Structures are given as structure tokens and as C-alpha cells.
Amino acid sequence: MANDRAIGGGIFAGSVIGIIVYGLLIFYFPLIVLEITAFVAVLVLLAILAWIGYTMATTPPPEPITDIPEPTPSPTSSGAATASAGKEEQKP
């Protein structure tokens, strides 16, 4: 539990530092930072779409379901009585 809290604190601190650095870069170099940000955002989106398309294109189709098992009949109380009656008849 303490390890999870340390990792969470590190992620939080890194995020806050990233926001501050990004804000400073936008303030001092607005055009190039926005161009890089837009390029990376489009790159990530298109890479995810390419990965989905590749996976769909290379995954074989699923096997059709042809063998549906028949449900087995459940024993009834009359069947149990018949079985016990048959056992009694075999006794000498």
C-alpha cells in the first residue's frame, strides 16, 4: 500500500512539473510548441488507428459454432422411485 502511494505521489508530482514546463514553453516558444504538440497528438491517434486496423486485418475469423450440445435431462422424482422399486424387486 505504501508503495502504491509513493508511485501515485510521483505521478502527481511529475504531472504538475510537466504542466509548469509546458506552460513555460508555450509562453516563450508558442508556435513551435503548439506545432509539436499537434503533430504528436495526430501521430498518436493515427498510430492507434493503424494498430487497430492491422489487428483486424491479420486476425483470423472465429470458428463457426456448429456443435451445440443437447441439454441432458434432469432426473425426476418418479425416475428415482422407479429405480429404487427395481432394486427392491431383485432382492430374494
C-alpha atoms as a PDB file:
ATOM      1  CA  MET A   1       0.000   0.000   0.000  1.00  0.00           C
ATOM      2  CA  ALA A   2       2.811   2.409   0.826  1.00  0.00           C
ATOM      3  CA  ASN A   3       4.483   1.575  -2.487  1.00  0.00           C
ATOM      4  CA  ASP A   4       1.284   2.479  -4.365  1.00  0.00           C
ATOM      5  CA  ARG A   5       1.106   5.782  -2.531  1.00  0.00           C
ATOM      6  CA  ALA A   6       4.720   6.563  -3.444  1.00  0.00           C
ATOM      7  CA  ILE A   7       4.093   5.775  -7.115  1.00  0.00           C
ATOM      8  CA  GLY A   8       0.917   7.886  -7.065  1.00  0.00           C
ATOM      9  CA  GLY A   9       2.779  10.779  -5.480  1.00  0.00           C
ATOM     10  CA  GLY A  10       5.498  10.514  -8.118  1.00  0.00           C
ATOM     11  CA  ILE A  11       2.954  10.520 -10.928  1.00  0.00           C
ATOM     12  CA  PHE A  12       1.213  13.533  -9.383  1.00  0.00           C
ATOM     13  CA  ALA A  13       4.489  15.461  -8.958  1.00  0.00           C
ATOM     14  CA  GLY A  14       5.601  14.605 -12.500  1.00  0.00           C
ATOM     15  CA  SER A  15       2.272  15.761 -13.896  1.00  0.00           C
ATOM     16  CA  VAL A  16       2.430  19.098 -12.064  1.00  0.00           C
ATOM     17  CA  ILE A  17       6.023  19.642 -13.205  1.00  0.00           C
ATOM     18  CA  GLY A  18       5.011  18.743 -16.775  1.00  0.00           C
ATOM     19  CA  ILE A  19       2.185  21.288 -16.693  1.00  0.00           C
ATOM     20  CA  ILE A  20       4.542  24.002 -15.464  1.00  0.00           C
ATOM     21  CA  VAL A  21       7.221  23.184 -18.060  1.00  0.00           C
ATOM     22  CA  TYR A  22       4.651  23.034 -20.866  1.00  0.00           C
ATOM     23  CA  GLY A  23       3.195  26.390 -19.769  1.00  0.00           C
ATOM     24  CA  LEU A  24       6.640  27.983 -19.766  1.00  0.00           C
ATOM     25  CA  LEU A  25       7.457  26.549 -23.193  1.00  0.00           C
ATOM     26  CA  ILE A  26       4.141  27.849 -24.577  1.00  0.00           C
ATOM     27  CA  PHE A  27       4.908  31.274 -23.129  1.00  0.00           C
ATOM     28  CA  TYR A  28       8.438  31.512 -24.583  1.00  0.00           C
ATOM     29  CA  PHE A  29       8.117  29.461 -27.799  1.00  0.00           C
ATOM     30  CA  PRO A  30       4.406  29.366 -28.630  1.00  0.00           C
ATOM     31  CA  LEU A  31       4.419  28.457 -32.324  1.00  0.00           C
ATOM     32  CA  ILE A  32       6.924  25.601 -32.283  1.00  0.00           C
ATOM     33  CA  VAL A  33       5.482  24.076 -29.091  1.00  0.00           C
ATOM     34  CA  LEU A  34       1.936  24.116 -30.498  1.00  0.00           C
ATOM     35  CA  GLU A  35       3.152  22.618 -33.784  1.00  0.00           C
ATOM     36  CA  ILE A  36       4.981  19.823 -31.974  1.00  0.00           C
ATOM     37  CA  THR A  37       2.002  19.202 -29.681  1.00  0.00           C
ATOM     38  CA  ALA A  38      -0.430  18.986 -32.598  1.00  0.00           C
ATOM     39  CA  PHE A  39       1.926  16.697 -34.531  1.00  0.00           C
ATOM     40  CA  VAL A  40       2.366  14.331 -31.571  1.00  0.00           C
ATOM     41  CA  ALA A  41      -1.404  14.254 -30.911  1.00  0.00           C
ATOM     42  CA  VAL A  42      -2.186  13.369 -34.547  1.00  0.00           C
ATOM     43  CA  LEU A  43       0.690  10.864 -34.613  1.00  0.00           C
ATOM     44  CA  VAL A  44      -0.638   9.044 -31.531  1.00  0.00           C
ATOM     45  CA  LEU A  45      -4.206   8.990 -32.850  1.00  0.00           C
ATOM     46  CA  LEU A  46      -3.184   7.642 -36.263  1.00  0.00           C
ATOM     47  CA  ALA A  47      -0.828   5.088 -34.695  1.00  0.00           C
ATOM     48  CA  ILE A  48      -3.681   3.724 -32.576  1.00  0.00           C
ATOM     49  CA  LEU A  49      -5.949   3.546 -35.635  1.00  0.00           C
ATOM     50  CA  ALA A  50      -3.202   1.793 -37.619  1.00  0.00           C
ATOM     51  CA  TRP A  51      -2.737  -0.735 -34.807  1.00  0.00           C
ATOM     52  CA  ILE A  52      -6.477  -1.457 -34.709  1.00  0.00           C
ATOM     53  CA  GLY A  53      -6.595  -1.836 -38.498  1.00  0.00           C
ATOM     54  CA  TYR A  54      -3.575  -4.138 -38.571  1.00  0.00           C
ATOM     55  CA  THR A  55      -5.034  -6.296 -35.818  1.00  0.00           C
ATOM     56  CA  MET A  56      -8.378  -6.556 -37.607  1.00  0.00           C
ATOM     57  CA  ALA A  57      -6.688  -7.383 -40.922  1.00  0.00           C
ATOM     58  CA  THR A  58      -4.395 -10.096 -39.557  1.00  0.00           C
ATOM     59  CA  THR A  59      -6.673 -11.814 -37.041  1.00  0.00           C
ATOM     60  CA  PRO A  60      -8.321 -14.922 -38.496  1.00  0.00           C
ATOM     61  CA  PRO A  61     -12.107 -15.108 -38.295  1.00  0.00           C
ATOM     62  CA  PRO A  62     -13.547 -17.092 -35.396  1.00  0.00           C
ATOM     63  CA  GLU A  63     -14.568 -20.703 -35.934  1.00  0.00           C
ATOM     64  CA  PRO A  64     -18.297 -21.047 -36.548  1.00  0.00           C
ATOM     65  CA  ILE A  65     -20.255 -22.717 -33.796  1.00  0.00           C
ATOM     66  CA  THR A  66     -21.589 -25.937 -35.317  1.00  0.00           C
ATOM     67  CA  ASP A  67     -21.788 -28.321 -32.401  1.00  0.00           C
ATOM     68  CA  ILE A  68     -24.328 -27.205 -29.835  1.00  0.00           C
ATOM     69  CA  PRO A  69     -24.594 -29.838 -27.110  1.00  0.00           C
ATOM     70  CA  GLU A  70     -28.055 -31.108 -26.254  1.00  0.00           C
ATOM     71  CA  PRO A  71     -29.135 -30.410 -22.679  1.00  0.00           C
ATOM     72  CA  THR A  72     -29.142 -33.553 -20.575  1.00  0.00           C
ATOM     73  CA  PRO A  73     -32.487 -34.387 -18.990  1.00  0.00           C
ATOM     74  CA  SER A  74     -32.515 -33.905 -15.261  1.00  0.00           C
ATOM     75  CA  PRO A  75     -33.580 -36.841 -13.099  1.00  0.00           C
ATOM     76  CA  THR A  76     -37.111 -36.565 -11.800  1.00  0.00           C
ATOM     77  CA  SER A  77     -38.551 -37.860  -8.585  1.00  0.00           C
ATOM     78  CA  SER A  78     -40.579 -40.504 -10.443  1.00  0.00           C
ATOM     79  CA  GLY A  79     -37.398 -41.848 -12.045  1.00  0.00           C
ATOM     80  CA  ALA A  80     -35.738 -42.162  -8.668  1.00  0.00           C
ATOM     81  CA  ALA A  81     -38.754 -44.029  -7.300  1.00  0.00           C
ATOM     82  CA  THR A  82     -38.696 -46.414 -10.248  1.00  0.00           C
ATOM     83  CA  ALA A  83     -35.019 -47.101  -9.752  1.00  0.00           C
ATOM     84  CA  SER A  84     -35.475 -47.836  -6.051  1.00  0.00           C
ATOM     85  CA  ALA A  85     -38.504 -50.030  -6.784  1.00  0.00           C
ATOM     86  CA  GLY A  86     -36.465 -52.031  -9.265  1.00  0.00           C
ATOM     87  CA  LYS A  87     -33.790 -52.686  -6.688  1.00  0.00           C
ATOM     88  CA  GLU A  88     -36.300 -53.986  -4.194  1.00  0.00           C
ATOM     89  CA  GLU A  89     -37.733 -56.436  -6.698  1.00  0.00           C
ATOM     90  CA  GLN A  90     -34.332 -58.032  -7.290  1.00  0.00           C
ATOM     91  CA  LYS A  91     -33.883 -58.933  -3.622  1.00  0.00           C
ATOM     92  CA  PRO A  92     -34.741 -62.565  -2.787  1.00  0.00           C
END
